[in-house]
């Protein structure tokens, strides 16, 4: 029984960056998919924008903590992107602004999370 409990793990250990990347990828995909749906489809665009804003709000709260290990300039840039994302999301909902810039921002963050600066 002890061997079964302490033997080879069956799952893989994922890094924090990998988890964050997956979250950005899922939400970015939903944002992209929302643009191809009919404008009057309930919850499509609004829900995708809400989830994107919620993700950015969580990220902003994390980078605002003094114990966050990221360099201060990067933390400030991420917080600025949060503020921009909130403002632009309102413009998308109220004035029909393009969602593309939000997808571009998320994609750039995904490249950074991959650590290679290459395509996300």
N, C-alpha and C. Protein backbone atom coordinates (compact mmCIF):
# COMPACT_ATOMS: atom_id res chain seq x y z
N UNK A 1 0.81 -1.18 0.00
CA UNK A 1 0.00 0.00 0.00
C UNK A 1 0.87 1.26 0.00
N UNK A 2 1.97 1.23 0.78
CA UNK A 2 2.86 2.38 0.83
C UNK A 2 3.48 2.64 -0.53
N UNK A 3 3.82 1.59 -1.25
CA UNK A 3 4.40 1.76 -2.58
C UNK A 3 3.42 2.45 -3.52
N UNK A 4 2.17 2.08 -3.42
CA UNK A 4 1.16 2.69 -4.28
C UNK A 4 0.99 4.17 -3.93
N UNK A 5 1.09 4.52 -2.66
CA UNK A 5 0.90 5.90 -2.24
C UNK A 5 2.08 6.78 -2.60
N UNK A 6 3.30 6.22 -2.51
CA UNK A 6 4.49 7.02 -2.73
C UNK A 6 5.22 6.68 -4.02
N UNK A 7 4.59 5.94 -4.88
CA UNK A 7 5.21 5.56 -6.14
C UNK A 7 5.25 6.71 -7.12
N UNK A 8 5.36 6.38 -8.37
CA UNK A 8 5.42 7.37 -9.43
C UNK A 8 4.13 8.20 -9.45
N UNK A 9 4.27 9.51 -9.48
CA UNK A 9 3.07 10.33 -9.59
C UNK A 9 2.43 10.15 -10.96
N UNK A 10 1.11 10.16 -10.98
CA UNK A 10 0.42 9.96 -12.25
C UNK A 10 0.17 11.26 -12.97
N UNK A 11 0.13 12.38 -12.27
CA UNK A 11 -0.12 13.67 -12.90
C UNK A 11 1.18 14.40 -13.14
N UNK A 12 1.11 15.43 -13.93
CA UNK A 12 2.28 16.25 -14.17
C UNK A 12 2.22 17.49 -13.29
N UNK A 13 3.36 17.97 -12.90
CA UNK A 13 3.44 19.18 -12.11
C UNK A 13 3.57 20.34 -13.09
N UNK A 14 2.67 21.29 -12.94
CA UNK A 14 2.67 22.43 -13.85
C UNK A 14 3.21 23.66 -13.14
N UNK A 15 3.92 24.47 -13.88
CA UNK A 15 4.45 25.69 -13.30
C UNK A 15 3.36 26.75 -13.24
N UNK A 16 3.59 27.74 -12.40
CA UNK A 16 2.64 28.85 -12.28
C UNK A 16 2.48 29.56 -13.63
N UNK A 17 3.59 29.72 -14.33
CA UNK A 17 3.54 30.37 -15.65
C UNK A 17 2.68 29.58 -16.62
N UNK A 18 2.79 28.28 -16.58
CA UNK A 18 2.01 27.42 -17.46
C UNK A 18 0.51 27.56 -17.17
N UNK A 19 0.18 27.62 -15.90
CA UNK A 19 -1.23 27.79 -15.51
C UNK A 19 -1.74 29.15 -15.96
N UNK A 20 -0.93 30.19 -15.75
CA UNK A 20 -1.33 31.53 -16.18
C UNK A 20 -1.48 31.60 -17.70
N UNK A 21 -0.55 30.98 -18.40
CA UNK A 21 -0.62 30.95 -19.86
C UNK A 21 -1.93 30.29 -20.31
N UNK A 22 -2.27 29.17 -19.73
CA UNK A 22 -3.50 28.47 -20.10
C UNK A 22 -4.74 29.33 -19.85
N UNK A 23 -4.75 30.05 -18.75
CA UNK A 23 -5.88 30.94 -18.47
C UNK A 23 -5.98 32.04 -19.51
N UNK A 24 -4.86 32.68 -19.82
CA UNK A 24 -4.87 33.71 -20.86
C UNK A 24 -5.30 33.12 -22.21
N UNK A 25 -4.84 31.93 -22.52
CA UNK A 25 -5.18 31.30 -23.80
C UNK A 25 -6.68 31.03 -23.89
N UNK A 26 -7.27 30.50 -22.83
CA UNK A 26 -8.71 30.20 -22.85
C UNK A 26 -9.54 31.47 -22.99
N UNK A 27 -9.20 32.49 -22.23
CA UNK A 27 -9.98 33.72 -22.27
C UNK A 27 -9.77 34.45 -23.59
N UNK A 28 -8.56 34.43 -24.10
CA UNK A 28 -8.29 35.07 -25.39
C UNK A 28 -9.05 34.36 -26.51
N UNK A 29 -9.10 33.06 -26.45
CA UNK A 29 -9.88 32.30 -27.43
C UNK A 29 -11.36 32.69 -27.35
N UNK A 30 -11.88 32.83 -26.15
CA UNK A 30 -13.28 33.22 -25.98
C UNK A 30 -13.54 34.62 -26.52
N UNK A 31 -12.58 35.54 -26.30
CA UNK A 31 -12.73 36.89 -26.86
C UNK A 31 -12.78 36.84 -28.38
N UNK A 32 -11.86 36.07 -28.95
CA UNK A 32 -11.82 35.95 -30.42
C UNK A 32 -13.10 35.32 -30.96
N UNK A 33 -13.57 34.29 -30.29
CA UNK A 33 -14.78 33.60 -30.75
C UNK A 33 -16.00 34.49 -30.62
N UNK A 34 -16.02 35.36 -29.63
CA UNK A 34 -17.17 36.24 -29.41
C UNK A 34 -17.37 37.20 -30.57
N UNK A 35 -16.30 37.55 -31.27
CA UNK A 35 -16.44 38.50 -32.39
C UNK A 35 -17.12 37.86 -33.59
N UNK A 36 -17.09 36.54 -33.68
CA UNK A 36 -17.69 35.88 -34.84
C UNK A 36 -19.15 35.47 -34.59
N UNK A 37 -19.64 35.71 -33.39
CA UNK A 37 -21.03 35.38 -33.06
C UNK A 37 -21.93 36.56 -33.36
N UNK A 38 -23.21 36.30 -33.53
CA UNK A 38 -24.15 37.41 -33.73
C UNK A 38 -24.14 38.36 -32.53
N UNK A 39 -24.26 39.65 -32.80
CA UNK A 39 -24.18 40.67 -31.75
C UNK A 39 -25.27 40.49 -30.70
N UNK A 40 -26.41 39.94 -31.10
CA UNK A 40 -27.51 39.82 -30.15
C UNK A 40 -27.51 38.49 -29.40
N UNK A 41 -26.50 37.68 -29.59
CA UNK A 41 -26.43 36.40 -28.86
C UNK A 41 -26.21 36.68 -27.38
N UNK A 42 -27.11 36.19 -26.53
CA UNK A 42 -26.99 36.51 -25.11
C UNK A 42 -25.72 35.97 -24.47
N UNK A 43 -25.03 36.86 -23.76
CA UNK A 43 -23.88 36.45 -22.97
C UNK A 43 -22.58 36.25 -23.70
N UNK A 44 -22.58 36.17 -25.02
CA UNK A 44 -21.35 35.88 -25.75
C UNK A 44 -20.26 36.91 -25.51
N UNK A 45 -20.42 38.07 -26.09
CA UNK A 45 -19.41 39.12 -25.98
C UNK A 45 -19.32 39.65 -24.55
N UNK A 46 -20.46 39.89 -23.94
CA UNK A 46 -20.47 40.44 -22.59
C UNK A 46 -19.77 39.51 -21.60
N UNK A 47 -20.04 38.23 -21.70
CA UNK A 47 -19.42 37.27 -20.78
C UNK A 47 -17.92 37.15 -21.03
N UNK A 48 -17.52 37.15 -22.29
CA UNK A 48 -16.08 37.08 -22.60
C UNK A 48 -15.36 38.31 -22.07
N UNK A 49 -15.95 39.49 -22.23
CA UNK A 49 -15.34 40.71 -21.71
C UNK A 49 -15.30 40.70 -20.18
N UNK A 50 -16.37 40.23 -19.57
CA UNK A 50 -16.41 40.15 -18.11
C UNK A 50 -15.30 39.24 -17.60
N UNK A 51 -15.16 38.07 -18.19
CA UNK A 51 -14.13 37.13 -17.75
C UNK A 51 -12.73 37.69 -17.97
N UNK A 52 -12.54 38.39 -19.09
CA UNK A 52 -11.24 39.00 -19.37
C UNK A 52 -10.93 40.09 -18.33
N UNK A 53 -11.92 40.91 -18.03
CA UNK A 53 -11.72 41.97 -17.04
C UNK A 53 -11.47 41.38 -15.66
N UNK A 54 -12.18 40.33 -15.32
CA UNK A 54 -11.99 39.68 -14.02
C UNK A 54 -10.57 39.10 -13.91
N UNK A 55 -10.08 38.49 -14.99
CA UNK A 55 -8.72 37.96 -14.98
C UNK A 55 -7.71 39.09 -14.78
N UNK A 56 -7.90 40.20 -15.52
CA UNK A 56 -6.98 41.33 -15.39
C UNK A 56 -7.08 41.98 -14.01
N UNK A 57 -8.27 42.02 -13.43
CA UNK A 57 -8.43 42.59 -12.08
C UNK A 57 -7.64 41.75 -11.07
N UNK A 58 -7.71 40.45 -11.21
CA UNK A 58 -6.96 39.57 -10.31
C UNK A 58 -5.46 39.77 -10.48
N UNK A 59 -5.03 39.88 -11.73
CA UNK A 59 -3.62 40.12 -12.01
C UNK A 59 -3.17 41.46 -11.43
N UNK A 60 -4.02 42.50 -11.58
CA UNK A 60 -3.68 43.82 -11.05
C UNK A 60 -3.54 43.78 -9.54
N UNK A 61 -4.45 43.08 -8.87
CA UNK A 61 -4.36 42.97 -7.41
C UNK A 61 -3.06 42.28 -7.00
N UNK A 62 -2.66 41.28 -7.78
CA UNK A 62 -1.43 40.54 -7.47
C UNK A 62 -0.20 41.42 -7.66
N UNK A 63 -0.13 42.16 -8.76
CA UNK A 63 1.06 42.99 -9.00
C UNK A 63 1.10 44.22 -8.10
N UNK A 64 -0.03 44.58 -7.51
CA UNK A 64 -0.06 45.72 -6.59
C UNK A 64 0.49 45.37 -5.21
N UNK A 65 0.58 44.09 -4.91
CA UNK A 65 1.11 43.65 -3.62
C UNK A 65 2.61 43.92 -3.54
N UNK A 66 3.04 44.44 -2.42
CA UNK A 66 4.47 44.74 -2.24
C UNK A 66 5.32 43.47 -2.22
N UNK A 67 4.70 42.34 -1.94
CA UNK A 67 5.44 41.08 -1.89
C UNK A 67 5.57 40.40 -3.25
N UNK A 68 4.99 40.99 -4.29
CA UNK A 68 5.09 40.42 -5.62
C UNK A 68 6.55 40.47 -6.07
N UNK A 69 7.04 39.37 -6.61
CA UNK A 69 8.45 39.25 -6.96
C UNK A 69 8.85 39.83 -8.31
N UNK A 70 7.90 40.29 -9.09
CA UNK A 70 8.24 40.88 -10.39
C UNK A 70 8.92 42.22 -10.21
N UNK A 71 9.77 42.61 -11.16
CA UNK A 71 10.39 43.94 -11.08
C UNK A 71 9.33 45.04 -11.10
N UNK A 72 9.57 46.11 -10.36
CA UNK A 72 8.60 47.20 -10.24
C UNK A 72 8.15 47.77 -11.59
N UNK A 73 9.05 47.98 -12.56
CA UNK A 73 8.59 48.52 -13.84
C UNK A 73 7.61 47.58 -14.56
N UNK A 74 7.85 46.28 -14.49
CA UNK A 74 6.95 45.32 -15.11
C UNK A 74 5.61 45.30 -14.38
N UNK A 75 5.65 45.37 -13.08
CA UNK A 75 4.40 45.42 -12.31
C UNK A 75 3.59 46.64 -12.69
N UNK A 76 4.25 47.78 -12.85
CA UNK A 76 3.55 49.02 -13.24
C UNK A 76 2.94 48.89 -14.64
N UNK A 77 3.68 48.28 -15.56
CA UNK A 77 3.17 48.10 -16.92
C UNK A 77 1.95 47.18 -16.92
N UNK A 78 2.00 46.11 -16.16
CA UNK A 78 0.86 45.19 -16.09
C UNK A 78 -0.36 45.88 -15.47
N UNK A 79 -0.12 46.71 -14.46
CA UNK A 79 -1.24 47.44 -13.85
C UNK A 79 -1.84 48.42 -14.86
N UNK A 80 -0.99 49.08 -15.63
CA UNK A 80 -1.49 49.98 -16.67
C UNK A 80 -2.34 49.21 -17.69
N UNK A 81 -1.88 48.03 -18.08
CA UNK A 81 -2.65 47.22 -19.03
C UNK A 81 -4.01 46.84 -18.46
N UNK A 82 -4.06 46.57 -17.17
CA UNK A 82 -5.34 46.31 -16.52
C UNK A 82 -6.27 47.51 -16.68
N UNK A 83 -5.77 48.70 -16.34
CA UNK A 83 -6.59 49.90 -16.46
C UNK A 83 -7.07 50.12 -17.89
N UNK A 84 -6.18 49.93 -18.84
CA UNK A 84 -6.54 50.09 -20.25
C UNK A 84 -7.61 49.06 -20.64
N UNK A 85 -7.43 47.84 -20.20
CA UNK A 85 -8.37 46.77 -20.54
C UNK A 85 -9.77 47.08 -20.02
N UNK A 86 -9.86 47.58 -18.81
CA UNK A 86 -11.17 47.94 -18.25
C UNK A 86 -11.81 49.05 -19.07
N UNK A 87 -11.04 50.09 -19.38
CA UNK A 87 -11.58 51.22 -20.14
C UNK A 87 -11.99 50.79 -21.55
N UNK A 88 -11.14 50.01 -22.19
CA UNK A 88 -11.45 49.61 -23.56
C UNK A 88 -12.63 48.64 -23.61
N UNK A 89 -12.75 47.80 -22.61
CA UNK A 89 -13.90 46.88 -22.56
C UNK A 89 -15.21 47.66 -22.51
N UNK A 90 -15.22 48.75 -21.75
CA UNK A 90 -16.41 49.61 -21.72
C UNK A 90 -16.71 50.19 -23.09
N UNK A 91 -15.64 50.60 -23.79
CA UNK A 91 -15.83 51.16 -25.14
C UNK A 91 -16.38 50.11 -26.10
N UNK A 92 -15.95 48.88 -25.94
CA UNK A 92 -16.46 47.80 -26.79
C UNK A 92 -17.95 47.64 -26.56
N UNK A 93 -18.36 47.63 -25.31
CA UNK A 93 -19.77 47.42 -24.98
C UNK A 93 -20.65 48.63 -25.32
N UNK A 94 -20.14 49.83 -25.05
CA UNK A 94 -20.96 51.03 -25.21
C UNK A 94 -20.89 51.64 -26.60
N UNK A 95 -19.75 51.56 -27.24
CA UNK A 95 -19.58 52.28 -28.51
C UNK A 95 -19.22 51.37 -29.68
N UNK A 96 -19.17 50.08 -29.44
CA UNK A 96 -18.86 49.16 -30.52
C UNK A 96 -17.40 49.17 -30.95
N UNK A 97 -16.49 49.56 -30.05
CA UNK A 97 -15.06 49.54 -30.36
C UNK A 97 -14.62 48.11 -30.65
N UNK A 98 -13.50 47.99 -31.33
CA UNK A 98 -12.98 46.67 -31.71
C UNK A 98 -12.41 45.94 -30.49
N UNK A 99 -12.66 44.66 -30.47
CA UNK A 99 -12.13 43.81 -29.40
C UNK A 99 -10.69 43.37 -29.70
N UNK A 100 -10.25 43.62 -30.93
CA UNK A 100 -8.94 43.14 -31.39
C UNK A 100 -7.78 43.58 -30.49
N UNK A 101 -7.82 44.81 -29.99
CA UNK A 101 -6.71 45.28 -29.16
C UNK A 101 -6.61 44.47 -27.87
N UNK A 102 -7.75 44.03 -27.33
CA UNK A 102 -7.72 43.20 -26.12
C UNK A 102 -7.10 41.84 -26.42
N UNK A 103 -7.43 41.29 -27.57
CA UNK A 103 -6.83 40.01 -27.99
C UNK A 103 -5.32 40.19 -28.18
N UNK A 104 -4.92 41.31 -28.78
CA UNK A 104 -3.49 41.58 -28.99
C UNK A 104 -2.73 41.70 -27.67
N UNK A 105 -3.32 42.39 -26.71
CA UNK A 105 -2.68 42.55 -25.40
C UNK A 105 -2.50 41.18 -24.74
N UNK A 106 -3.56 40.40 -24.73
CA UNK A 106 -3.47 39.07 -24.11
C UNK A 106 -2.45 38.20 -24.80
N UNK A 107 -2.40 38.28 -26.12
CA UNK A 107 -1.44 37.49 -26.89
C UNK A 107 -0.01 37.90 -26.56
N UNK A 108 0.23 39.19 -26.39
CA UNK A 108 1.57 39.66 -26.03
C UNK A 108 1.96 39.15 -24.64
N UNK A 109 1.02 39.16 -23.72
CA UNK A 109 1.31 38.63 -22.37
C UNK A 109 1.60 37.14 -22.46
N UNK A 110 0.86 36.43 -23.30
CA UNK A 110 1.11 35.00 -23.47
C UNK A 110 2.53 34.75 -23.99
N UNK A 111 2.98 35.59 -24.93
CA UNK A 111 4.36 35.45 -25.42
C UNK A 111 5.35 35.65 -24.28
N UNK A 112 5.07 36.63 -23.44
CA UNK A 112 5.95 36.88 -22.29
C UNK A 112 5.95 35.71 -21.31
N UNK A 113 4.80 35.12 -21.11
CA UNK A 113 4.72 33.96 -20.21
C UNK A 113 5.48 32.77 -20.77
N UNK A 114 5.51 32.66 -22.08
CA UNK A 114 6.28 31.59 -22.72
C UNK A 114 7.77 31.84 -22.56
N UNK A 115 8.13 33.10 -22.33
CA UNK A 115 9.53 33.44 -22.05
C UNK A 115 10.44 33.53 -23.24
N UNK A 116 9.89 33.39 -24.44
CA UNK A 116 10.77 33.43 -25.60
C UNK A 116 10.49 34.59 -26.52
N UNK A 117 9.46 35.37 -26.23
CA UNK A 117 9.15 36.51 -27.07
C UNK A 117 8.62 36.13 -28.43
N UNK A 118 8.50 34.83 -28.68
CA UNK A 118 8.01 34.35 -29.97
C UNK A 118 6.50 34.28 -29.99
N UNK A 119 5.96 33.66 -31.01
CA UNK A 119 4.50 33.58 -31.11
C UNK A 119 3.90 32.84 -29.92
N UNK A 120 2.71 33.30 -29.52
CA UNK A 120 2.04 32.68 -28.38
C UNK A 120 1.42 31.37 -28.76
